[in-house]
Protein backbone atom coordinates (compact mmCIF):
# COMPACT_ATOMS: atom_id res chain seq x y z
CA MET A 1 55.94 3.20 -1.81
CA ALA A 2 53.20 2.29 0.66
CA ASP A 3 50.74 5.03 1.55
CA PRO A 4 51.41 5.90 5.24
CA HIS A 5 47.81 7.06 5.53
CA ASP A 6 46.20 4.12 3.74
CA LYS A 7 43.81 3.35 6.61
CA LEU A 8 42.50 6.92 6.67
CA ARG A 9 42.15 6.98 2.88
CA ARG A 10 40.15 3.74 2.91
CA GLU A 11 37.88 5.12 5.65
CA VAL A 12 37.06 8.20 3.59
CA ARG A 13 36.52 6.18 0.42
CA ALA A 14 34.13 3.84 2.22
CA PHE A 15 32.18 6.77 3.63
CA VAL A 16 31.98 8.44 0.20
CA ALA A 17 30.83 5.20 -1.44
CA GLU A 18 27.98 4.85 1.06
CA ALA A 19 26.93 8.51 0.94
CA GLY A 20 25.34 8.28 -2.50
CA ILE A 21 27.02 11.45 -3.75
CA VAL A 22 26.03 12.84 -7.14
CA ALA A 23 29.40 14.05 -8.39
CA ARG A 24 29.82 17.56 -9.68
CA ASN A 25 32.67 19.87 -10.56
CA ASP A 26 33.65 22.74 -8.26
CA SER A 27 31.95 20.91 -5.40
CA TRP A 28 33.91 23.01 -2.90
CA LEU A 29 32.22 26.15 -4.30
CA ARG A 30 28.86 24.83 -5.54
CA GLY A 31 28.09 21.94 -3.22
CA TYR A 32 26.39 23.42 -0.16
CA ASP A 33 25.04 20.69 2.11
CA PRO A 34 25.14 21.56 5.84
CA ASP A 35 24.04 18.07 6.88
CA PHE A 36 26.93 16.49 4.98
CA THR A 37 29.31 18.99 6.55
CA ARG A 38 28.08 18.23 10.07
CA GLU A 39 28.59 14.51 9.43
CA LEU A 40 32.18 15.21 8.41
CA GLY A 41 32.55 17.17 11.63
CA ARG A 42 31.26 14.23 13.67
CA ARG A 43 33.86 12.03 11.99
CA GLY A 44 36.66 14.45 12.88
CA TRP A 45 37.35 15.44 9.27
CA ILE A 46 36.95 19.19 9.77
CA GLY A 47 39.59 21.12 11.67
CA MET A 48 41.85 18.08 11.45
CA THR A 49 45.02 20.13 11.94
CA TYR A 50 43.70 22.28 14.76
CA PRO A 51 44.91 21.59 18.33
CA THR A 52 42.73 19.19 20.30
CA GLU A 53 42.05 21.80 23.00
CA TYR A 54 40.01 23.73 20.42
CA GLY A 55 38.06 20.71 19.21
CA GLY A 56 40.48 19.83 16.43
CA GLY A 57 42.13 16.56 15.55
CA GLY A 58 45.74 17.52 16.21
CA ARG A 59 46.64 15.81 12.94
CA SER A 60 48.99 16.77 10.13
CA ASN A 61 48.29 18.77 6.99
CA THR A 62 49.29 15.66 5.05
CA GLU A 63 46.45 13.74 6.69
CA ARG A 64 44.08 16.58 5.87
CA PHE A 65 45.38 16.40 2.30
CA VAL A 66 44.27 12.75 2.13
CA VAL A 67 40.74 13.53 3.32
CA THR A 68 40.18 16.57 1.09
CA GLU A 69 41.63 14.73 -1.91
CA GLU A 70 39.18 11.84 -1.53
CA LEU A 71 36.22 14.18 -1.01
CA LEU A 72 36.96 16.27 -4.10
CA ARG A 73 37.69 13.21 -6.24
CA ALA A 74 34.14 12.17 -5.45
CA GLY A 75 32.73 15.64 -6.14
CA ALA A 76 31.37 15.75 -2.60
CA PRO A 77 29.31 18.76 -1.36
CA VAL A 78 31.79 20.42 1.01
CA THR A 79 31.07 24.13 0.46
CA ALA A 80 29.45 24.69 3.85
CA HIS A 81 32.71 24.30 5.77
CA TRP A 82 35.40 24.69 3.12
CA THR A 83 36.50 28.29 3.63
CA ALA A 84 36.20 28.19 7.41
CA ASP A 85 38.22 24.99 7.67
CA ARG A 86 40.76 25.81 4.95
CA GLN A 87 41.85 29.30 5.86
CA ILE A 88 39.87 31.12 8.53
CA GLY A 89 40.62 28.58 11.24
CA PRO A 90 44.36 28.55 10.43
CA THR A 91 44.33 32.36 10.35
CA ILE A 92 42.79 32.48 13.82
CA LEU A 93 45.41 30.03 15.03
CA ARG A 94 48.20 32.18 13.57
CA VAL A 95 47.10 35.67 14.56
CA GLY A 96 43.85 35.42 16.53
CA THR A 97 43.26 35.99 20.23
CA GLU A 98 42.78 33.22 22.74
CA GLY A 99 39.14 34.27 23.03
CA GLN A 100 38.63 33.91 19.27
CA ARG A 101 40.25 30.50 19.27
CA ALA A 102 38.15 29.23 22.16
CA GLU A 103 34.90 30.60 20.70
CA ILE A 104 35.17 29.99 16.96
CA LEU A 105 37.47 27.02 16.33
CA PRO A 106 35.26 24.38 18.06
CA LYS A 107 32.30 25.60 16.00
CA ILE A 108 34.31 25.26 12.79
CA CYS A 109 35.27 21.71 13.77
CA ARG A 110 31.60 20.84 14.31
CA GLY A 111 30.67 22.22 10.90
CA GLU A 112 28.64 25.10 12.35
CA VAL A 113 30.54 28.02 10.79
CA VAL A 114 30.02 29.15 7.19
CA VAL A 115 32.35 31.96 6.12
CA GLY A 116 31.96 34.33 3.18
CA LEU A 117 35.29 35.81 2.03
CA GLY A 118 35.03 39.59 1.66
CA LEU A 119 38.20 40.30 -0.32
CA SER A 120 37.39 41.37 -3.90
CA GLU A 121 35.77 44.72 -4.58
CA THR A 122 33.94 46.25 -7.51
CA GLU A 123 36.12 48.09 -10.06
CA ALA A 124 39.26 46.64 -8.44
CA GLY A 125 39.75 43.77 -10.88
CA SER A 126 42.32 41.33 -9.51
CA ASP A 127 44.09 43.95 -7.40
CA LEU A 128 43.57 42.58 -3.91
CA ALA A 129 45.04 45.70 -2.31
CA ALA A 130 42.63 48.08 -4.06
CA VAL A 131 40.44 48.17 -0.95
CA ARG A 132 37.98 51.01 -0.58
CA THR A 133 35.87 49.43 2.15
CA ARG A 134 36.73 51.48 5.22
CA ALA A 135 36.65 50.69 8.93
CA THR A 136 36.53 53.72 11.24
CA ALA A 137 37.34 53.43 14.94
CA ILE A 138 34.41 54.07 17.30
CA ASP A 139 33.90 53.48 21.02
CA GLY A 140 34.49 49.78 21.66
CA GLY A 141 35.03 48.82 18.07
CA TRP A 142 34.71 49.81 14.42
CA SER A 143 32.18 51.02 11.88
CA ILE A 144 32.64 49.36 8.47
CA THR A 145 31.21 50.79 5.25
CA GLY A 146 31.87 49.53 1.73
CA ALA A 147 31.12 46.70 -0.69
CA LYS A 148 32.54 43.30 -1.56
CA VAL A 149 31.86 41.20 -4.64
CA TRP A 150 32.12 37.54 -5.73
CA THR A 151 31.60 36.51 -2.10
CA THR A 152 30.91 32.78 -2.15
CA SER A 153 28.24 31.52 0.27
CA ALA A 154 27.53 34.95 1.77
CA HIS A 155 23.80 34.09 1.60
CA HIS A 156 24.46 31.10 3.87
CA ALA A 157 27.20 32.67 5.99
CA THR A 158 27.32 32.77 9.75
CA HIS A 159 30.42 34.98 9.50
CA LEU A 160 31.95 37.31 6.94
CA TYR A 161 35.69 37.77 6.64
CA ILE A 162 36.24 41.43 5.68
CA LEU A 163 39.48 43.11 4.61
CA ALA A 164 39.05 46.84 5.24
CA ARG A 165 41.12 49.99 5.20
CA THR A 166 41.75 51.35 8.69
CA GLY A 167 44.54 53.80 7.87
CA GLU A 168 46.74 55.27 5.17
CA GLY A 169 50.37 54.71 4.28
CA ALA A 170 52.99 55.21 1.64
CA SER A 171 51.44 52.41 -0.42
CA LYS A 172 47.99 50.91 -0.83
CA HIS A 173 49.24 47.78 0.92
CA GLU A 174 49.52 49.65 4.21
CA GLY A 175 46.70 50.43 6.58
CA LEU A 176 44.64 47.28 5.98
CA THR A 177 42.99 45.23 8.73
CA GLU A 178 41.20 41.88 8.81
CA PHE A 179 37.85 41.43 10.55
CA LEU A 180 35.59 38.45 11.21
CA VAL A 181 32.07 39.86 11.30
CA ASP A 182 28.93 38.10 12.49
CA ALA A 183 26.77 37.82 9.37
CA ASP A 184 23.57 38.84 11.17
CA THR A 185 25.01 42.23 12.20
CA PRO A 186 22.69 45.12 11.21
CA GLY A 187 23.78 47.03 8.12
CA ILE A 188 24.79 44.01 6.00
CA THR A 189 22.94 43.41 2.73
CA VAL A 190 23.61 40.36 0.54
CA ARG A 191 22.69 40.52 -3.15
CA PRO A 192 22.84 37.37 -5.33
CA ILE A 193 25.08 37.08 -8.40
CA LEU A 194 24.06 34.22 -10.73
CA ASP A 195 26.68 32.27 -12.67
CA LEU A 196 26.63 31.23 -16.35
CA VAL A 197 24.07 28.49 -15.76
CA GLY A 198 21.88 30.49 -13.39
CA GLU A 199 23.16 29.02 -10.12
CA HIS A 200 23.56 31.15 -7.03
CA HIS A 201 26.73 30.77 -5.04
CA PHE A 202 28.33 34.20 -5.62
CA ASN A 203 27.11 37.40 -3.97
CA GLU A 204 27.67 41.11 -3.61
CA VAL A 205 27.87 42.21 0.02
CA ILE A 206 27.03 45.80 1.00
CA LEU A 207 28.21 47.05 4.41
CA ASP A 208 26.53 50.22 5.62
CA ASP A 209 27.83 51.50 8.98
CA VAL A 210 28.25 47.96 10.29
CA HIS A 211 29.32 48.10 13.94
CA VAL A 212 31.96 45.49 14.77
CA PRO A 213 33.41 45.03 18.26
CA ASP A 214 37.14 45.14 18.88
CA ASP A 215 37.21 41.41 19.59
CA ARG A 216 36.38 40.75 15.92
CA VAL A 217 39.68 42.19 14.65
CA LEU A 218 41.93 39.40 13.35
CA GLY A 219 45.55 39.98 14.27
CA THR A 220 47.12 43.42 14.32
CA VAL A 221 45.36 46.57 13.15
CA GLY A 222 47.12 47.80 10.02
CA ALA A 223 48.97 44.51 9.39
CA GLY A 224 46.25 43.06 7.20
CA TRP A 225 48.28 42.87 4.00
CA LYS A 226 51.05 40.72 5.48
CA GLN A 227 48.48 38.51 7.19
CA VAL A 228 46.30 38.05 4.11
CA THR A 229 49.22 37.18 1.83
CA GLU A 230 50.26 34.46 4.29
CA GLN A 231 46.64 33.30 4.40
CA LEU A 232 46.69 32.84 0.61
CA ALA A 233 49.07 29.90 1.06
CA PHE A 234 46.06 28.06 2.52
CA GLU A 235 43.65 29.33 -0.14
CA ARG A 236 45.78 28.75 -3.24
CA GLY A 237 47.68 25.66 -2.19
CA GLY A 238 44.93 23.10 -1.66
CA VAL A 239 43.81 20.13 -3.72
CA GLU A 240 40.82 22.16 -4.96
CA ARG A 241 43.21 24.02 -7.25
CA TYR A 242 43.65 20.96 -9.46
CA LEU A 243 40.80 18.59 -8.58
CA SER A 244 37.83 20.86 -9.32
CA THR A 245 37.23 19.03 -12.63
CA TYR A 246 38.35 15.59 -11.46
CA PRO A 247 34.84 14.12 -11.96
CA VAL A 248 35.27 14.85 -15.70
CA LEU A 249 38.65 13.09 -15.70
CA ALA A 250 37.15 10.07 -13.94
CA ALA A 251 34.34 9.98 -16.51
CA MET A 252 36.92 9.95 -19.32
CA ILE A 253 38.78 7.06 -17.73
CA ARG A 254 35.58 5.02 -17.45
CA THR A 255 34.68 5.84 -21.04
CA VAL A 256 38.05 4.82 -22.52
CA ALA A 257 37.99 1.60 -20.47
CA ARG A 258 34.73 0.68 -22.22
CA HIS A 259 35.74 1.98 -25.67
CA PRO A 260 39.54 1.73 -26.06
CA ASP A 261 41.14 4.27 -28.36
CA ARG A 262 44.90 4.81 -28.72
CA ALA A 263 44.81 8.59 -29.16
CA ALA A 264 42.41 9.01 -26.25
CA THR A 265 44.58 6.77 -24.06
CA GLU A 266 47.66 8.86 -24.87
CA ARG A 267 45.87 12.07 -23.92
CA LEU A 268 44.69 10.54 -20.67
CA GLY A 269 48.24 9.39 -19.97
CA GLU A 270 49.51 12.95 -20.31
CA LEU A 271 46.85 14.22 -17.91
CA ALA A 272 47.67 11.45 -15.43
CA ALA A 273 51.35 12.40 -15.47
CA ARG A 274 50.53 16.05 -14.82
CA LEU A 275 48.15 15.09 -12.02
CA THR A 276 50.91 13.05 -10.38
CA ALA A 277 53.22 16.07 -10.46
CA LEU A 278 50.53 18.33 -9.03
CA ARG A 279 49.89 15.88 -6.18
CA GLN A 280 53.58 15.94 -5.34
CA LEU A 281 53.49 19.74 -5.21
CA GLY A 282 50.41 19.56 -3.00
CA LEU A 283 52.11 17.12 -0.64
CA GLN A 284 55.22 19.31 -0.54
CA LEU A 285 53.08 22.31 0.36
CA ALA A 286 51.23 20.34 3.07
CA GLY A 287 54.61 19.38 4.53
CA ALA A 288 55.69 23.03 4.55
CA LEU A 289 52.52 23.99 6.43
CA ASP A 290 53.27 21.27 8.97
CA GLN A 291 56.61 23.00 9.55
CA GLY A 292 54.81 26.24 10.36
CA GLU A 293 55.75 27.90 7.07
CA ALA A 294 53.54 30.08 4.85
CA PRO A 295 54.73 28.95 1.38
CA VAL A 296 53.10 31.75 -0.60
CA ARG A 297 55.11 31.31 -3.81
CA LEU A 298 54.80 27.53 -3.84
CA ALA A 299 51.04 27.92 -3.41
CA ALA A 300 50.94 30.40 -6.29
CA GLY A 301 52.82 27.96 -8.52
CA LEU A 302 50.49 25.11 -7.62
CA LYS A 303 47.43 27.23 -8.28
CA LEU A 304 48.78 28.42 -11.65
CA ALA A 305 49.66 24.91 -12.84
CA GLY A 306 46.41 23.53 -11.44
CA THR A 307 44.34 26.10 -13.34
CA ARG A 308 45.90 24.99 -16.63
CA PHE A 309 45.36 21.35 -15.75
CA GLU A 310 41.67 21.78 -14.92
CA LYS A 311 41.04 23.59 -18.19
CA ASP A 312 42.91 20.95 -20.18
CA VAL A 313 40.90 18.18 -18.52
CA VAL A 314 37.69 19.69 -19.87
CA GLU A 315 39.15 20.41 -23.31
CA THR A 316 40.46 16.85 -23.57
CA ALA A 317 37.06 15.49 -22.55
CA ARG A 318 35.44 17.24 -25.49
CA TYR A 319 37.55 15.02 -27.76
CA VAL A 320 37.57 11.81 -25.74
CA LEU A 321 33.83 11.67 -25.04
CA ASP A 322 33.19 12.25 -28.72
CA VAL A 323 35.45 9.60 -30.26
CA CYS A 324 34.82 7.07 -27.47
CA GLU A 325 31.06 7.56 -27.17
CA GLY A 326 30.73 8.79 -23.61
CA ASP A 327 27.52 7.96 -21.76
CA THR A 328 24.90 10.40 -20.48
CA GLU A 329 26.58 10.85 -17.10
CA ALA A 330 29.93 11.61 -18.71
CA HIS A 331 28.39 14.26 -20.93
CA ARG A 332 26.55 15.77 -17.96
CA LEU A 333 29.85 16.19 -16.17
CA LEU A 334 31.47 17.65 -19.29
CA VAL A 335 28.73 20.28 -19.65
CA ASP A 336 29.08 21.02 -15.94
CA GLY A 337 32.84 21.38 -16.37
CA LEU A 338 32.47 23.75 -19.31
CA ALA A 339 30.44 26.05 -17.07
CA VAL A 340 33.01 26.22 -14.28
CA VAL A 341 36.45 26.40 -15.93
CA PRO A 342 36.20 30.04 -17.12
CA GLY A 343 36.43 31.22 -13.52
CA ALA A 344 39.42 29.08 -12.60
CA SER A 345 41.98 31.54 -13.96
CA ILE A 346 40.52 34.37 -11.85
CA ARG A 347 39.46 32.98 -8.47
CA GLY A 348 42.13 32.76 -5.82
CA GLY A 349 44.26 35.21 -7.79
CA SER A 350 44.29 35.70 -11.54
CA SER A 351 46.98 33.91 -13.53
CA GLU A 352 48.64 37.25 -14.31
CA VAL A 353 48.88 38.09 -10.61
CA LEU A 354 50.31 34.66 -9.83
CA TYR A 355 53.03 35.11 -12.46
CA THR A 356 54.01 38.27 -10.60
CA VAL A 357 54.08 36.51 -7.22
CA ILE A 358 56.31 33.77 -8.60
CA SER A 359 58.61 36.17 -10.45
CA ARG A 360 59.39 37.98 -7.20
CA ALA A 361 60.92 34.86 -5.68
CA GLU A 362 64.52 35.29 -4.69
CA LEU A 363 66.99 33.61 -7.02
CA PRO A 364 69.61 31.32 -5.47
CA ARG A 365 72.91 33.08 -4.91
């Protein structure tokens, strides 16, 4: 079947080929390049699905799927805009005020907004609802005090998304509220957390009596849990959930083409079949988003299957690059992949949590 977006795909591929990108794994988390992001903004490849009146492209999620797929296949440095474009913009469109849309969405589309996600907290593990950061109502706004951890790009952020407790209820899922806080607000301290290879993209964020105006509340006060679970369809359901180690897969393909080996070819064939299935899930999810749905369970399933795939890509490469004599670049990408896959089963929801999300799906009657 012909690709209905072939022209767009060829445009992105041509741009990537000319950009001289040094491929790396997890480029959506570890590839911070604000100049590259602004160039994507100039080309209309950020905020593609946003309405044109807010600076967006008015295009489909399927078209956005094409662009993000090509960028991640190349290992392009897209961290600077990834979170803002992927989920904060759509959240503002869903539940934000007209003022928030008019102010923030055009900046996201231009590649000027870097968002750090303040969800996880210390001692909470993978329990997203175990929020101890508290927002207390004050004249004209809120005072937020607490701490967030594993906050990607907080040291570069222009804005921090913060999930805070604003009230109590019968369960810990009640009384939560979403905020979008200007990162230069007094009372915010960002502390670096280095990864296994000494790189800095994670952070701990301390909030000490941070004053936030009312116009920085996202959606309805106290409805944060429902809003954030819908938001996770954008976070968990993207191509980054199965293409984070694609540069390793591409290196294997090049290696086997130079040094044919039957067993290696069979293993690559299995990975290719799984990748095809994952792409179909990704396209199905993009179509659901175009229909205005928030396919939380489908996104959880894609993320769970994608996590397994990314790990298996790296494990297979350890064999293939050995028996087929991979070159220096292939081994560089393998070492890079080995450093990033341990976190895949935790970020965006641990595998155990995702099993729970999927198991709660209603069975057909």
